[in-house]
């Protein structure tokens, strides 16, 4: 069984805030930064205890979402395609470029002014790259990244956030279209990669995707599927997890998915106590880790 997510990049939660509500998960609750920092340290410890190498850097100052390193880039074989982020996160781009370059990666920016949410919207599964477009990423940017890194792109779309009249909502802070699944890692998770005669395994929430996207996912003969309920996907961040192919670090409140993974022979570990503060920015375990290898 091939292992993956063996080396990840994490920053810290010292500069985390929820001042600019650039996705629907933000709310008016107060934020306990000290608790968020403890939660972040717990995630890091769980990863390391389960064989994942964690490289850490300080988070960029005055960047409310710098804790979510998954959005900094997409990385494969020593190459990194740098993200282009919402206005509230623009200052992270130059910082991320320096961090990744200092780590010895060959960093490339996407051409034009295309949006690109890095690993948050582009999940690798062997040679497949599951891409989510419209909200934080443009198809053109993902096509560029997939071609540059040698992936077979599977272009998908999650469902939009609608107002009372059924119109798509534009986020007032970012000016971009909005969704509870604004990044694809909130709707799909890579559990095992395909290898030889062994099929890959993903967990995904069918109700989070457009019908056309669900059809694309179901058509992959070498990928087994676990269906995740809309309740666990939206309210328990069920798919925002890190799997090594043997161990899954995930939210313990996504009990249905956790039970199914255990039934399939995977080891499941979860932060204790539960993560609350980091979730207020619309991110969870997967969001805090950028896969380097």
C-alpha atoms as a PDB file:
ATOM      1  CA  UNK A   1       0.000   0.000   0.000  1.00  0.00           C
ATOM      2  CA  UNK A   2       1.623   3.296  -1.091  1.00  0.00           C
ATOM      3  CA  UNK A   3       1.884   5.890   1.659  1.00  0.00           C
ATOM      4  CA  UNK A   4       1.409   9.584   0.954  1.00  0.00           C
ATOM      5  CA  UNK A   5       1.189  12.866   2.858  1.00  0.00           C
ATOM      6  CA  UNK A   6       4.498  11.860   4.418  1.00  0.00           C
ATOM      7  CA  UNK A   7       5.854  15.416   4.612  1.00  0.00           C
ATOM      8  CA  UNK A   8       3.700  18.489   5.173  1.00  0.00           C
ATOM      9  CA  UNK A   9       4.187  22.197   5.787  1.00  0.00           C
ATOM     10  CA  UNK A  10       2.437  23.929   8.680  1.00  0.00           C
ATOM     11  CA  UNK A  11       2.643  27.504   9.938  1.00  0.00           C
ATOM     12  CA  UNK A  12       1.081  28.534  13.256  1.00  0.00           C
ATOM     13  CA  UNK A  13      -2.108  30.144  14.539  1.00  0.00           C
ATOM     14  CA  UNK A  14      -0.492  33.161  16.206  1.00  0.00           C
ATOM     15  CA  UNK A  15      -1.873  35.606  13.619  1.00  0.00           C
ATOM     16  CA  UNK A  16      -5.184  33.833  13.024  1.00  0.00           C
ATOM     17  CA  UNK A  17      -8.288  36.040  13.042  1.00  0.00           C
ATOM     18  CA  UNK A  18     -11.812  36.117  11.634  1.00  0.00           C
ATOM     19  CA  UNK A  19     -11.937  39.836  10.850  1.00  0.00           C
ATOM     20  CA  UNK A  20     -12.862  39.545   7.170  1.00  0.00           C
ATOM     21  CA  UNK A  21     -15.632  36.977   6.517  1.00  0.00           C
ATOM     22  CA  UNK A  22     -14.433  35.629   3.179  1.00  0.00           C
ATOM     23  CA  UNK A  23     -16.441  32.387   3.369  1.00  0.00           C
ATOM     24  CA  UNK A  24     -19.811  31.325   4.846  1.00  0.00           C
ATOM     25  CA  UNK A  25     -18.286  29.654   7.917  1.00  0.00           C
ATOM     26  CA  UNK A  26     -17.210  32.931   9.453  1.00  0.00           C
ATOM     27  CA  UNK A  27     -19.559  34.190  12.123  1.00  0.00           C
ATOM     28  CA  UNK A  28     -19.745  36.864  14.778  1.00  0.00           C
ATOM     29  CA  UNK A  29     -18.439  34.621  17.561  1.00  0.00           C
ATOM     30  CA  UNK A  30     -15.403  35.789  19.436  1.00  0.00           C
ATOM     31  CA  UNK A  31     -12.190  33.953  18.652  1.00  0.00           C
ATOM     32  CA  UNK A  32      -9.913  32.458  21.291  1.00  0.00           C
ATOM     33  CA  UNK A  33      -6.495  32.644  19.593  1.00  0.00           C
ATOM     34  CA  UNK A  34      -4.784  30.852  22.474  1.00  0.00           C
ATOM     35  CA  UNK A  35      -7.159  27.936  22.071  1.00  0.00           C
ATOM     36  CA  UNK A  36      -6.680  27.988  18.293  1.00  0.00           C
ATOM     37  CA  UNK A  37      -2.924  27.760  18.873  1.00  0.00           C
ATOM     38  CA  UNK A  38      -3.421  24.762  21.150  1.00  0.00           C
ATOM     39  CA  UNK A  39      -5.665  23.101  18.572  1.00  0.00           C
ATOM     40  CA  UNK A  40      -3.027  23.667  15.903  1.00  0.00           C
ATOM     41  CA  UNK A  41      -0.333  22.132  18.102  1.00  0.00           C
ATOM     42  CA  UNK A  42      -2.578  19.119  18.690  1.00  0.00           C
ATOM     43  CA  UNK A  43      -2.965  18.556  14.939  1.00  0.00           C
ATOM     44  CA  UNK A  44       0.801  18.782  14.489  1.00  0.00           C
ATOM     45  CA  UNK A  45       1.399  16.274  17.292  1.00  0.00           C
ATOM     46  CA  UNK A  46      -1.123  13.797  15.872  1.00  0.00           C
ATOM     47  CA  UNK A  47       0.517  13.980  12.460  1.00  0.00           C
ATOM     48  CA  UNK A  48       3.983  13.396  13.881  1.00  0.00           C
ATOM     49  CA  UNK A  49       2.804  10.567  16.134  1.00  0.00           C
ATOM     50  CA  UNK A  50       1.505   8.822  13.015  1.00  0.00           C
ATOM     51  CA  UNK A  51       4.635   9.050  10.929  1.00  0.00           C
ATOM     52  CA  UNK A  52       4.174  12.363   9.129  1.00  0.00           C
ATOM     53  CA  UNK A  53       7.159  14.699   8.926  1.00  0.00           C
ATOM     54  CA  UNK A  54       6.054  18.266   9.704  1.00  0.00           C
ATOM     55  CA  UNK A  55       8.089  21.270   8.609  1.00  0.00           C
ATOM     56  CA  UNK A  56       6.988  24.411  10.432  1.00  0.00           C
ATOM     57  CA  UNK A  57       7.290  28.104   9.641  1.00  0.00           C
ATOM     58  CA  UNK A  58       5.923  31.166  11.390  1.00  0.00           C
ATOM     59  CA  UNK A  59       2.666  32.484   9.989  1.00  0.00           C
ATOM     60  CA  UNK A  60       2.781  35.768   8.059  1.00  0.00           C
ATOM     61  CA  UNK A  61       1.831  38.816  10.128  1.00  0.00           C
ATOM     62  CA  UNK A  62      -1.416  40.648   9.414  1.00  0.00           C
ATOM     63  CA  UNK A  63      -2.693  37.625   7.480  1.00  0.00           C
ATOM     64  CA  UNK A  64      -5.816  36.239   9.114  1.00  0.00           C
ATOM     65  CA  UNK A  65      -5.712  32.920   7.240  1.00  0.00           C
ATOM     66  CA  UNK A  66      -1.979  32.265   7.176  1.00  0.00           C
ATOM     67  CA  UNK A  67      -2.619  29.208   9.332  1.00  0.00           C
ATOM     68  CA  UNK A  68      -4.226  27.488   6.316  1.00  0.00           C
ATOM     69  CA  UNK A  69      -1.040  26.574   4.437  1.00  0.00           C
ATOM     70  CA  UNK A  70      -2.880  24.155   2.122  1.00  0.00           C
ATOM     71  CA  UNK A  71      -3.938  27.185   0.109  1.00  0.00           C
ATOM     72  CA  UNK A  72      -0.405  28.405  -0.499  1.00  0.00           C
ATOM     73  CA  UNK A  73       0.417  26.158  -3.444  1.00  0.00           C
ATOM     74  CA  UNK A  74       0.139  22.761  -5.104  1.00  0.00           C
ATOM     75  CA  UNK A  75       3.345  20.729  -4.845  1.00  0.00           C
ATOM     76  CA  UNK A  76       4.657  17.677  -6.693  1.00  0.00           C
ATOM     77  CA  UNK A  77       8.150  16.306  -7.280  1.00  0.00           C
ATOM     78  CA  UNK A  78       9.936  19.400  -6.044  1.00  0.00           C
ATOM     79  CA  UNK A  79       7.782  21.824  -8.036  1.00  0.00           C
ATOM     80  CA  UNK A  80       5.221  24.214  -6.572  1.00  0.00           C
ATOM     81  CA  UNK A  81       2.477  26.134  -8.359  1.00  0.00           C
ATOM     82  CA  UNK A  82       1.808  29.199  -6.231  1.00  0.00           C
ATOM     83  CA  UNK A  83      -1.734  30.180  -5.277  1.00  0.00           C
ATOM     84  CA  UNK A  84      -3.566  33.381  -6.145  1.00  0.00           C
ATOM     85  CA  UNK A  85      -5.784  34.126  -3.159  1.00  0.00           C
ATOM     86  CA  UNK A  86      -8.725  36.379  -2.189  1.00  0.00           C
ATOM     87  CA  UNK A  87      -8.038  40.009  -1.315  1.00  0.00           C
ATOM     88  CA  UNK A  88      -7.870  39.321   2.434  1.00  0.00           C
ATOM     89  CA  UNK A  89      -5.094  36.792   1.785  1.00  0.00           C
ATOM     90  CA  UNK A  90      -3.052  38.489  -0.934  1.00  0.00           C
ATOM     91  CA  UNK A  91      -0.115  39.212   1.364  1.00  0.00           C
ATOM     92  CA  UNK A  92       0.330  35.477   1.910  1.00  0.00           C
ATOM     93  CA  UNK A  93       1.367  34.935  -1.698  1.00  0.00           C
ATOM     94  CA  UNK A  94       4.808  36.583  -1.576  1.00  0.00           C
ATOM     95  CA  UNK A  95       5.415  35.087   1.859  1.00  0.00           C
ATOM     96  CA  UNK A  96       4.530  31.601   0.637  1.00  0.00           C
ATOM     97  CA  UNK A  97       6.735  32.009  -2.430  1.00  0.00           C
ATOM     98  CA  UNK A  98       9.731  32.823  -0.228  1.00  0.00           C
ATOM     99  CA  UNK A  99       9.015  29.968   2.205  1.00  0.00           C
ATOM    100  CA  UNK A 100       8.679  27.408  -0.571  1.00  0.00           C
ATOM    101  CA  UNK A 101      11.718  28.706  -2.450  1.00  0.00           C
ATOM    102  CA  UNK A 102      13.782  28.577   0.740  1.00  0.00           C
ATOM    103  CA  UNK A 103      12.740  24.935   1.101  1.00  0.00           C
ATOM    104  CA  UNK A 104      14.324  24.274  -2.290  1.00  0.00           C
ATOM    105  CA  UNK A 105      11.153  24.044  -4.366  1.00  0.00           C
ATOM    106  CA  UNK A 106      10.909  25.301  -7.934  1.00  0.00           C
ATOM    107  CA  UNK A 107       8.075  27.826  -7.582  1.00  0.00           C
ATOM    108  CA  UNK A 108       5.917  28.960 -10.496  1.00  0.00           C
ATOM    109  CA  UNK A 109       3.032  31.425 -10.533  1.00  0.00           C
ATOM    110  CA  UNK A 110      -0.091  30.799 -12.598  1.00  0.00           C
ATOM    111  CA  UNK A 111      -0.336  33.064 -15.667  1.00  0.00           C
ATOM    112  CA  UNK A 112      -2.772  35.929 -16.004  1.00  0.00           C
ATOM    113  CA  UNK A 113      -5.049  36.905 -13.144  1.00  0.00           C
ATOM    114  CA  UNK A 114      -6.650  33.516 -12.643  1.00  0.00           C
ATOM    115  CA  UNK A 115      -7.753  32.498  -9.165  1.00  0.00           C
ATOM    116  CA  UNK A 116      -6.012  29.462  -7.699  1.00  0.00           C
ATOM    117  CA  UNK A 117      -6.544  28.064  -4.196  1.00  0.00           C
ATOM    118  CA  UNK A 118      -3.611  25.690  -4.274  1.00  0.00           C
ATOM    119  CA  UNK A 119      -4.056  22.311  -2.631  1.00  0.00           C
ATOM    120  CA  UNK A 120      -7.358  23.424  -1.124  1.00  0.00           C
ATOM    121  CA  UNK A 121      -8.959  23.128  -4.557  1.00  0.00           C
ATOM    122  CA  UNK A 122      -6.670  20.518  -6.119  1.00  0.00           C
ATOM    123  CA  UNK A 123      -6.339  17.158  -4.380  1.00  0.00           C
ATOM    124  CA  UNK A 124      -3.878  14.615  -5.740  1.00  0.00           C
ATOM    125  CA  UNK A 125      -4.825  10.950  -5.896  1.00  0.00           C
ATOM    126  CA  UNK A 126      -1.943   9.209  -7.624  1.00  0.00           C
ATOM    127  CA  UNK A 127      -1.888  10.710 -11.102  1.00  0.00           C
ATOM    128  CA  UNK A 128      -5.409  12.076 -10.728  1.00  0.00           C
ATOM    129  CA  UNK A 129      -5.958  15.670  -9.630  1.00  0.00           C
ATOM    130  CA  UNK A 130      -9.456  16.367  -8.343  1.00  0.00           C
ATOM    131  CA  UNK A 131     -10.052  20.063  -9.024  1.00  0.00           C
ATOM    132  CA  UNK A 132     -12.830  22.341  -7.817  1.00  0.00           C
ATOM    133  CA  UNK A 133     -13.554  25.488  -9.788  1.00  0.00           C
ATOM    134  CA  UNK A 134     -15.657  28.673  -9.709  1.00  0.00           C
ATOM    135  CA  UNK A 135     -15.305  29.910  -6.123  1.00  0.00           C
ATOM    136  CA  UNK A 136     -11.594  30.103  -5.298  1.00  0.00           C
ATOM    137  CA  UNK A 137     -10.054  28.628  -8.436  1.00  0.00           C
ATOM    138  CA  UNK A 138     -10.430  29.092 -12.186  1.00  0.00           C
ATOM    139  CA  UNK A 139     -10.310  26.161 -14.588  1.00  0.00           C
ATOM    140  CA  UNK A 140      -7.490  27.823 -16.549  1.00  0.00           C
ATOM    141  CA  UNK A 141      -5.267  27.951 -13.462  1.00  0.00           C
ATOM    142  CA  UNK A 142      -5.948  24.336 -12.588  1.00  0.00           C
ATOM    143  CA  UNK A 143      -5.305  23.235 -16.149  1.00  0.00           C
ATOM    144  CA  UNK A 144      -1.965  25.045 -16.004  1.00  0.00           C
ATOM    145  CA  UNK A 145      -1.070  23.424 -12.666  1.00  0.00           C
ATOM    146  CA  UNK A 146      -2.097  19.934 -13.760  1.00  0.00           C
ATOM    147  CA  UNK A 147      -0.104  20.177 -16.985  1.00  0.00           C
ATOM    148  CA  UNK A 148       2.943  21.619 -15.253  1.00  0.00           C
ATOM    149  CA  UNK A 149       2.963  18.903 -12.580  1.00  0.00           C
ATOM    150  CA  UNK A 150       1.925  15.978 -14.772  1.00  0.00           C
ATOM    151  CA  UNK A 151      -1.537  15.248 -13.391  1.00  0.00           C
ATOM    152  CA  UNK A 152      -4.659  13.897 -15.065  1.00  0.00           C
ATOM    153  CA  UNK A 153      -7.161  16.643 -14.183  1.00  0.00           C
ATOM    154  CA  UNK A 154     -10.685  15.723 -13.038  1.00  0.00           C
ATOM    155  CA  UNK A 155     -12.591  19.027 -13.247  1.00  0.00           C
ATOM    156  CA  UNK A 156     -15.448  19.289 -10.741  1.00  0.00           C
ATOM    157  CA  UNK A 157     -17.766  21.857  -9.222  1.00  0.00           C
ATOM    158  CA  UNK A 158     -19.459  21.998  -5.851  1.00  0.00           C
ATOM    159  CA  UNK A 159     -22.863  23.545  -5.263  1.00  0.00           C
ATOM    160  CA  UNK A 160     -23.116  27.326  -4.774  1.00  0.00           C
ATOM    161  CA  UNK A 161     -24.522  29.201  -1.823  1.00  0.00           C
ATOM    162  CA  UNK A 162     -27.953  30.555  -2.793  1.00  0.00           C
ATOM    163  CA  UNK A 163     -30.034  33.395  -1.381  1.00  0.00           C
ATOM    164  CA  UNK A 164     -33.754  33.206  -0.578  1.00  0.00           C
ATOM    165  CA  UNK A 165     -34.613  33.842  -4.238  1.00  0.00           C
ATOM    166  CA  UNK A 166     -32.350  31.067  -5.470  1.00  0.00           C
ATOM    167  CA  UNK A 167     -29.621  33.368  -6.770  1.00  0.00           C
ATOM    168  CA  UNK A 168     -25.942  32.613  -6.273  1.00  0.00           C
ATOM    169  CA  UNK A 169     -24.454  34.618  -3.403  1.00  0.00           C
ATOM    170  CA  UNK A 170     -21.440  36.868  -3.935  1.00  0.00           C
ATOM    171  CA  UNK A 171     -19.291  37.155  -0.822  1.00  0.00           C
ATOM    172  CA  UNK A 172     -19.244  40.796   0.308  1.00  0.00           C
ATOM    173  CA  UNK A 173     -15.700  40.614   1.665  1.00  0.00           C
ATOM    174  CA  UNK A 174     -14.002  38.889  -1.277  1.00  0.00           C
ATOM    175  CA  UNK A 175     -16.308  39.849  -4.147  1.00  0.00           C
ATOM    176  CA  UNK A 176     -16.193  36.218  -5.320  1.00  0.00           C
ATOM    177  CA  UNK A 177     -18.989  33.661  -5.634  1.00  0.00           C
ATOM    178  CA  UNK A 178     -19.556  31.755  -2.414  1.00  0.00           C
ATOM    179  CA  UNK A 179     -20.237  28.197  -1.296  1.00  0.00           C
ATOM    180  CA  UNK A 180     -20.121  26.130   1.882  1.00  0.00           C
ATOM    181  CA  UNK A 181     -17.761  24.012  -0.222  1.00  0.00           C
ATOM    182  CA  UNK A 182     -15.747  26.947  -1.541  1.00  0.00           C
ATOM    183  CA  UNK A 183     -12.638  24.719  -1.553  1.00  0.00           C
ATOM    184  CA  UNK A 184     -12.993  21.161  -2.791  1.00  0.00           C
ATOM    185  CA  UNK A 185     -11.282  19.709   0.292  1.00  0.00           C
ATOM    186  CA  UNK A 186     -14.515  20.450   2.156  1.00  0.00           C
ATOM    187  CA  UNK A 187     -16.360  17.967  -0.076  1.00  0.00           C
ATOM    188  CA  UNK A 188     -13.866  15.235  -0.986  1.00  0.00           C
ATOM    189  CA  UNK A 189     -10.947  13.468   0.693  1.00  0.00           C
ATOM    190  CA  UNK A 190      -8.233  11.186  -0.644  1.00  0.00           C
ATOM    191  CA  UNK A 191      -8.004   8.119   1.597  1.00  0.00           C
ATOM    192  CA  UNK A 192      -5.856   5.761  -0.521  1.00  0.00           C
ATOM    193  CA  UNK A 193      -4.066   6.254  -3.814  1.00  0.00           C
ATOM    194  CA  UNK A 194      -4.454   3.716  -6.637  1.00  0.00           C
ATOM    195  CA  UNK A 195      -1.387   1.540  -7.152  1.00  0.00           C
ATOM    196  CA  UNK A 196      -0.930  -1.415  -9.463  1.00  0.00           C
ATOM    197  CA  UNK A 197      -3.963  -3.650  -9.111  1.00  0.00           C
ATOM    198  CA  UNK A 198      -5.068  -1.902  -5.926  1.00  0.00           C
ATOM    199  CA  UNK A 199      -7.846   0.641  -6.309  1.00  0.00           C
ATOM    200  CA  UNK A 200      -7.713   4.051  -4.723  1.00  0.00           C
ATOM    201  CA  UNK A 201     -10.256   5.151  -2.126  1.00  0.00           C
ATOM    202  CA  UNK A 202     -11.902   8.532  -1.705  1.00  0.00           C
ATOM    203  CA  UNK A 203     -14.614   9.864   0.585  1.00  0.00           C
ATOM    204  CA  UNK A 204     -16.919  12.397  -0.991  1.00  0.00           C
ATOM    205  CA  UNK A 205     -20.248  14.069  -0.376  1.00  0.00           C
ATOM    206  CA  UNK A 206     -22.490  13.602  -3.451  1.00  0.00           C
ATOM    207  CA  UNK A 207     -24.901  16.296  -2.289  1.00  0.00           C
ATOM    208  CA  UNK A 208     -22.072  18.823  -2.219  1.00  0.00           C
ATOM    209  CA  UNK A 209     -21.402  18.458  -5.959  1.00  0.00           C
ATOM    210  CA  UNK A 210     -23.296  19.235  -9.128  1.00  0.00           C
ATOM    211  CA  UNK A 211     -24.850  16.148 -10.786  1.00  0.00           C
ATOM    212  CA  UNK A 212     -22.326  16.318 -13.634  1.00  0.00           C
ATOM    213  CA  UNK A 213     -19.456  16.256 -11.156  1.00  0.00           C
ATOM    214  CA  UNK A 214     -20.929  13.295  -9.285  1.00  0.00           C
ATOM    215  CA  UNK A 215     -21.134  11.404 -12.575  1.00  0.00           C
ATOM    216  CA  UNK A 216     -17.450  12.109 -13.266  1.00  0.00           C
ATOM    217  CA  UNK A 217     -16.438  10.809  -9.843  1.00  0.00           C
ATOM    218  CA  UNK A 218     -18.547   7.661 -10.150  1.00  0.00           C
ATOM    219  CA  UNK A 219     -17.107   6.904 -13.600  1.00  0.00           C
ATOM    220  CA  UNK A 220     -13.574   6.259 -12.303  1.00  0.00           C
ATOM    221  CA  UNK A 221     -13.091   2.496 -12.408  1.00  0.00           C
ATOM    222  CA  UNK A 222      -9.920   2.429 -10.301  1.00  0.00           C
ATOM    223  CA  UNK A 223     -11.335   4.474  -7.415  1.00  0.00           C
ATOM    224  CA  UNK A 224     -13.591   3.089  -4.679  1.00  0.00           C
ATOM    225  CA  UNK A 225     -16.020   5.531  -3.095  1.00  0.00           C
ATOM    226  CA  UNK A 226     -17.302   6.233   0.389  1.00  0.00           C
ATOM    227  CA  UNK A 227     -20.291   8.532   0.458  1.00  0.00           C
ATOM    228  CA  UNK A 228     -20.371  11.234   3.134  1.00  0.00           C
ATOM    229  CA  UNK A 229     -23.606  12.835   4.307  1.00  0.00           C
ATOM    230  CA  UNK A 230     -24.209  16.530   3.706  1.00  0.00           C
ATOM    231  CA  UNK A 231     -24.571  16.967   7.468  1.00  0.00           C
ATOM    232  CA  UNK A 232     -21.126  15.560   8.246  1.00  0.00           C
ATOM    233  CA  UNK A 233     -19.512  17.348   5.315  1.00  0.00           C
ATOM    234  CA  UNK A 234     -20.914  20.764   6.151  1.00  0.00           C
ATOM    235  CA  UNK A 235     -21.155  20.657   9.935  1.00  0.00           C
ATOM    236  CA  UNK A 236     -18.356  18.270  10.930  1.00  0.00           C
ATOM    237  CA  UNK A 237     -15.729  19.051   8.240  1.00  0.00           C
ATOM    238  CA  UNK A 238     -15.735  15.297   7.588  1.00  0.00           C
ATOM    239  CA  UNK A 239     -13.615  15.333   4.427  1.00  0.00           C
ATOM    240  CA  UNK A 240     -11.147  17.971   5.601  1.00  0.00           C
ATOM    241  CA  UNK A 241      -8.731  15.331   6.822  1.00  0.00           C
ATOM    242  CA  UNK A 242      -5.222  14.008   6.275  1.00  0.00           C
ATOM    243  CA  UNK A 243      -4.750  10.374   5.302  1.00  0.00           C
ATOM    244  CA  UNK A 244      -1.418   8.597   4.947  1.00  0.00           C
ATOM    245  CA  UNK A 245      -3.041   5.608   3.270  1.00  0.00           C
ATOM    246  CA  UNK A 246      -2.988   3.741   6.579  1.00  0.00           C
ATOM    247  CA  UNK A 247      -3.955   6.324   9.190  1.00  0.00           C
ATOM    248  CA  UNK A 248      -6.613   9.018   8.902  1.00  0.00           C
ATOM    249  CA  UNK A 249      -6.393  12.147  11.074  1.00  0.00           C
ATOM    250  CA  UNK A 250      -9.888  13.617  11.076  1.00  0.00           C
ATOM    251  CA  UNK A 251     -12.691  15.223  13.063  1.00  0.00           C
ATOM    252  CA  UNK A 252     -14.034  12.843  15.704  1.00  0.00           C
ATOM    253  CA  UNK A 253     -17.483  14.368  15.274  1.00  0.00           C
ATOM    254  CA  UNK A 254     -17.776  12.883  11.775  1.00  0.00           C
ATOM    255  CA  UNK A 255     -18.759   9.583  13.356  1.00  0.00           C
ATOM    256  CA  UNK A 256     -20.346   7.946  10.301  1.00  0.00           C
ATOM    257  CA  UNK A 257     -17.269   8.441   8.135  1.00  0.00           C
ATOM    258  CA  UNK A 258     -14.937   7.442  10.968  1.00  0.00           C
ATOM    259  CA  UNK A 259     -16.860   4.195  11.482  1.00  0.00           C
ATOM    260  CA  UNK A 260     -16.719   3.338   7.782  1.00  0.00           C
ATOM    261  CA  UNK A 261     -12.979   3.992   7.620  1.00  0.00           C
ATOM    262  CA  UNK A 262     -12.402   1.810  10.666  1.00  0.00           C
ATOM    263  CA  UNK A 263     -14.537  -0.926   9.129  1.00  0.00           C
ATOM    264  CA  UNK A 264     -12.254  -0.849   6.099  1.00  0.00           C
ATOM    265  CA  UNK A 265      -9.192  -1.444   8.263  1.00  0.00           C
ATOM    266  CA  UNK A 266      -7.852   2.088   8.513  1.00  0.00           C
ATOM    267  CA  UNK A 267      -6.627   3.588  11.755  1.00  0.00           C
ATOM    268  CA  UNK A 268      -8.597   6.705  12.682  1.00  0.00           C
ATOM    269  CA  UNK A 269      -7.293   9.324  15.126  1.00  0.00           C
ATOM    270  CA  UNK A 270      -8.930  12.604  16.117  1.00  0.00           C
ATOM    271  CA  UNK A 271      -7.987  15.700  18.110  1.00  0.00           C
ATOM    272  CA  UNK A 272      -9.153  15.720  21.713  1.00  0.00           C
ATOM    273  CA  UNK A 273     -10.689  18.045  22.745  1.00  0.00           C
ATOM    274  CA  UNK A 274     -12.536  18.778  19.525  1.00  0.00           C
ATOM    275  CA  UNK A 275     -11.384  21.617  17.272  1.00  0.00           C
ATOM    276  CA  UNK A 276     -13.644  24.650  17.544  1.00  0.00           C
ATOM    277  CA  UNK A 277     -11.595  27.826  17.018  1.00  0.00           C
ATOM    278  CA  UNK A 278      -9.750  26.917  13.808  1.00  0.00           C
ATOM    279  CA  UNK A 279     -13.093  25.925  12.290  1.00  0.00           C
ATOM    280  CA  UNK A 280     -14.386  29.479  12.688  1.00  0.00           C
ATOM    281  CA  UNK A 281     -12.331  30.477   9.649  1.00  0.00           C
ATOM    282  CA  UNK A 282     -13.872  27.739   7.530  1.00  0.00           C
ATOM    283  CA  UNK A 283     -10.864  25.432   7.727  1.00  0.00           C
ATOM    284  CA  UNK A 284      -9.939  22.236   9.502  1.00  0.00           C
ATOM    285  CA  UNK A 285      -7.162  19.621   9.578  1.00  0.00           C
ATOM    286  CA  UNK A 286      -6.481  19.367   5.824  1.00  0.00           C
ATOM    287  CA  UNK A 287      -6.429  23.160   5.501  1.00  0.00           C
ATOM    288  CA  UNK A 288      -3.603  23.527   8.016  1.00  0.00           C
ATOM    289  CA  UNK A 289      -1.257  21.230   6.078  1.00  0.00           C
ATOM    290  CA  UNK A 290       0.354  21.649   2.673  1.00  0.00           C
ATOM    291  CA  UNK A 291       1.637  18.348   1.311  1.00  0.00           C
ATOM    292  CA  UNK A 292       5.283  18.591   0.229  1.00  0.00           C
ATOM    293  CA  UNK A 293       5.673  14.869  -0.532  1.00  0.00           C
END
